Amino acid sequence: MYGQYFDWLSSKFHDCNRYSLLFMKLYSTNFEWFIPFDENRAGDGINLRYRFGRENDIPDPVICATLDDRPCSILEMMIALGLRIEEQIMGDAMDQASQWIGDMLKNLGLAEYTNTNYNEEEVDRIIYIFLNRKYSRTGKGGLFEVPDLSLDRDMRTAEIWCQMCWYLNEH
């Protein structure tokens, strides 16, 4: 079932075939947080497992026993966030969740790491920067960059949801 679930997750990004190595790395890496409300992003990622089950007629107890056996991955968190932006904030029927996921990959600096240009050392370095909030104050190197961020805000200390809202306000 893991393979089917990974394929389902990957399908949420239109260019997934070019990024299968990167997506597998993001899927195999736990999303770790230390900003309190970022735990909600992990919860959203875990809830994708049950959404997958509902869309594929797999009962919750089966999902719980087979897929819900580890913490949320970075890939799950990013896809869940892209879907939230699209479905709950933008409310578009245009299926642009893939665009939001692509924006996050670009902002992180991961968009260049397609299967033909994959560099595990660099990907690991970028993931470390992201998870440890070592990116810039404006969010460069994180999920969302807001270059004109006012002086009283620091993306490194803000929960991901706030970062996303500031980013969306700019775009």
Protein backbone atom coordinates (compact mmCIF):
# COMPACT_ATOMS: atom_id res chain seq x y z
CA MET A 1 0.00 0.00 0.00
CA TYR A 2 2.99 2.34 0.59
CA GLY A 3 3.72 2.42 -3.14
CA GLN A 4 0.13 3.20 -4.02
CA TYR A 5 0.02 5.96 -1.40
CA PHE A 6 3.34 7.45 -2.58
CA ASP A 7 2.04 7.46 -6.17
CA TRP A 8 -1.16 9.17 -5.01
CA LEU A 9 0.83 11.81 -3.12
CA SER A 10 3.13 12.40 -6.08
CA SER A 11 0.18 12.76 -8.44
CA LYS A 12 -0.78 15.97 -6.64
CA PHE A 13 2.19 17.61 -8.38
CA HIS A 14 1.81 17.71 -12.17
CA ASP A 15 5.53 17.29 -12.88
CA CYS A 16 6.00 14.41 -10.43
CA ASN A 17 7.73 12.03 -12.85
CA ARG A 18 10.70 14.40 -13.15
CA TYR A 19 10.98 14.58 -9.35
CA SER A 20 10.55 10.98 -8.20
CA LEU A 21 13.98 10.85 -6.49
CA LEU A 22 13.40 14.15 -4.68
CA PHE A 23 9.87 13.16 -3.72
CA MET A 24 11.08 9.82 -2.35
CA LYS A 25 13.66 11.69 -0.24
CA LEU A 26 11.01 14.13 1.04
CA TYR A 27 8.67 11.22 1.73
CA SER A 28 11.30 9.29 3.66
CA THR A 29 12.29 12.33 5.79
CA ASN A 30 10.19 13.17 8.84
CA PHE A 31 8.81 16.68 9.11
CA GLU A 32 10.21 17.96 12.40
CA TRP A 33 9.10 21.17 14.03
CA PHE A 34 9.84 23.24 17.09
CA ILE A 35 7.48 26.18 16.48
CA PRO A 36 4.38 25.10 18.44
CA PHE A 37 1.61 25.48 15.84
CA ASP A 38 3.65 23.77 13.10
CA GLU A 39 2.40 20.58 14.69
CA ASN A 40 -0.86 21.38 12.87
CA ARG A 41 0.95 21.13 9.54
CA ALA A 42 2.13 17.65 10.55
CA GLY A 43 -1.45 16.77 11.44
CA ASP A 44 -2.60 17.93 8.01
CA GLY A 45 0.03 15.70 6.42
CA ILE A 46 -1.05 12.67 8.42
CA ASN A 47 -4.69 13.37 7.52
CA LEU A 48 -3.72 12.93 3.86
CA ARG A 49 -3.33 9.22 4.60
CA TYR A 50 -7.02 9.04 5.50
CA ARG A 51 -8.02 11.19 2.53
CA PHE A 52 -6.17 8.71 0.33
CA GLY A 53 -8.13 5.92 2.03
CA ARG A 54 -11.47 7.64 1.45
CA GLU A 55 -10.66 8.32 -2.21
CA ASN A 56 -9.67 4.67 -2.70
CA ASP A 57 -12.40 3.03 -0.60
CA ILE A 58 -9.93 1.85 2.04
CA PRO A 59 -11.46 1.88 5.55
CA ASP A 60 -9.84 4.04 8.24
CA PRO A 61 -8.81 1.03 10.39
CA VAL A 62 -6.86 -0.37 7.44
CA ILE A 63 -5.15 2.99 6.85
CA CYS A 64 -4.38 3.21 10.57
CA ALA A 65 -2.84 -0.27 10.57
CA THR A 66 -0.88 0.10 7.32
CA LEU A 67 0.03 3.75 6.69
CA ASP A 68 -0.34 5.58 9.99
CA ASP A 69 2.75 4.04 11.51
CA ARG A 70 5.23 6.93 11.40
CA PRO A 71 5.41 10.70 11.78
CA CYS A 72 4.41 13.03 8.98
CA SER A 73 6.94 13.33 6.17
CA ILE A 74 8.10 16.58 4.61
CA LEU A 75 6.39 15.57 1.36
CA GLU A 76 3.08 14.94 3.12
CA MET A 77 3.26 18.28 4.92
CA MET A 78 4.02 20.18 1.69
CA ILE A 79 1.30 18.48 -0.31
CA ALA A 80 -1.24 18.97 2.47
CA LEU A 81 -0.31 22.65 2.64
CA GLY A 82 -0.60 23.05 -1.14
CA LEU A 83 -4.04 21.44 -1.04
CA ARG A 84 -5.13 23.66 1.87
CA ILE A 85 -4.07 26.78 -0.01
CA GLU A 86 -6.00 25.69 -3.06
CA GLU A 87 -9.13 24.26 -1.46
CA GLN A 88 -9.64 26.34 1.65
CA ILE A 89 -7.99 29.68 0.97
CA MET A 90 -8.12 30.27 -2.77
CA GLY A 91 -11.28 28.27 -3.32
CA ASP A 92 -10.46 27.97 -7.00
CA ALA A 93 -11.79 25.11 -9.03
CA MET A 94 -8.66 25.35 -11.18
CA ASP A 95 -6.65 22.66 -9.35
CA GLN A 96 -3.62 24.85 -8.71
CA ALA A 97 -2.36 22.90 -5.69
CA SER A 98 0.47 21.73 -7.93
CA GLN A 99 1.47 25.36 -8.50
CA TRP A 100 1.68 25.99 -4.74
CA ILE A 101 3.74 22.84 -4.23
CA GLY A 102 6.00 23.98 -7.07
CA ASP A 103 6.37 27.40 -5.44
CA MET A 104 7.44 25.75 -2.19
CA LEU A 105 10.00 23.58 -4.02
CA LYS A 106 11.34 26.69 -5.76
CA ASN A 107 11.50 28.73 -2.55
CA LEU A 108 13.33 25.92 -0.76
CA GLY A 109 15.83 25.72 -3.61
CA LEU A 110 14.81 22.15 -4.51
CA ALA A 111 13.17 22.76 -7.90
CA GLU A 112 16.42 22.22 -9.80
CA TYR A 113 16.86 18.71 -8.36
CA THR A 114 15.01 16.72 -11.00
CA ASN A 115 15.87 13.04 -11.53
CA THR A 116 18.55 14.01 -14.06
CA ASN A 117 20.10 16.63 -11.74
CA TYR A 118 19.54 15.00 -8.35
CA ASN A 119 22.29 15.64 -5.78
CA GLU A 120 21.60 13.94 -2.46
CA GLU A 121 24.22 15.95 -0.56
CA GLU A 122 22.70 19.26 -1.67
CA VAL A 123 19.16 18.04 -1.04
CA ASP A 124 20.18 16.94 2.47
CA ARG A 125 21.77 20.36 3.07
CA ILE A 126 18.60 22.16 1.94
CA ILE A 127 16.39 19.93 4.08
CA TYR A 128 18.63 20.61 7.09
CA ILE A 129 18.34 24.38 6.53
CA PHE A 130 14.56 24.11 6.25
CA LEU A 131 13.98 21.86 9.26
CA ASN A 132 16.34 23.82 11.51
CA ARG A 133 15.07 27.24 10.40
CA LYS A 134 18.53 28.26 9.19
CA TYR A 135 17.07 30.16 6.23
CA SER A 136 16.99 33.94 5.96
CA ARG A 137 14.80 36.26 7.99
CA THR A 138 12.68 36.91 4.88
CA GLY A 139 12.18 33.19 4.31
CA LYS A 140 14.69 32.70 1.48
CA GLY A 141 15.56 29.01 1.73
CA GLY A 142 12.30 28.15 3.49
CA LEU A 143 8.87 27.27 2.12
CA PHE A 144 7.81 30.90 1.65
CA GLU A 145 9.88 33.97 0.93
CA VAL A 146 8.54 37.47 1.49
CA PRO A 147 11.37 39.84 0.48
CA ASP A 148 9.61 43.02 1.65
CA LEU A 149 8.89 41.63 5.10
CA SER A 150 8.51 44.40 7.65
CA LEU A 151 11.24 44.67 10.28
CA ASP A 152 9.09 43.26 13.08
CA ARG A 153 8.61 39.88 11.40
CA ASP A 154 11.06 37.02 11.09
CA MET A 155 10.05 34.01 9.04
CA ARG A 156 12.39 31.81 11.08
CA THR A 157 10.32 32.32 14.23
CA ALA A 158 6.86 32.32 12.64
CA GLU A 159 4.72 29.24 12.25
CA ILE A 160 4.43 27.95 8.69
CA TRP A 161 0.76 28.97 8.52
CA CYS A 162 1.66 32.63 9.18
CA GLN A 163 4.52 32.43 6.69
CA MET A 164 2.08 31.12 4.10
CA CYS A 165 -0.43 33.90 4.81
CA TRP A 166 2.23 36.61 4.46
CA TYR A 167 3.41 34.98 1.23
CA LEU A 168 -0.10 34.80 -0.20
CA ASN A 169 -0.71 38.46 0.70
CA GLU A 170 2.34 39.35 -1.41
CA HIS A 171 1.20 37.23 -4.34
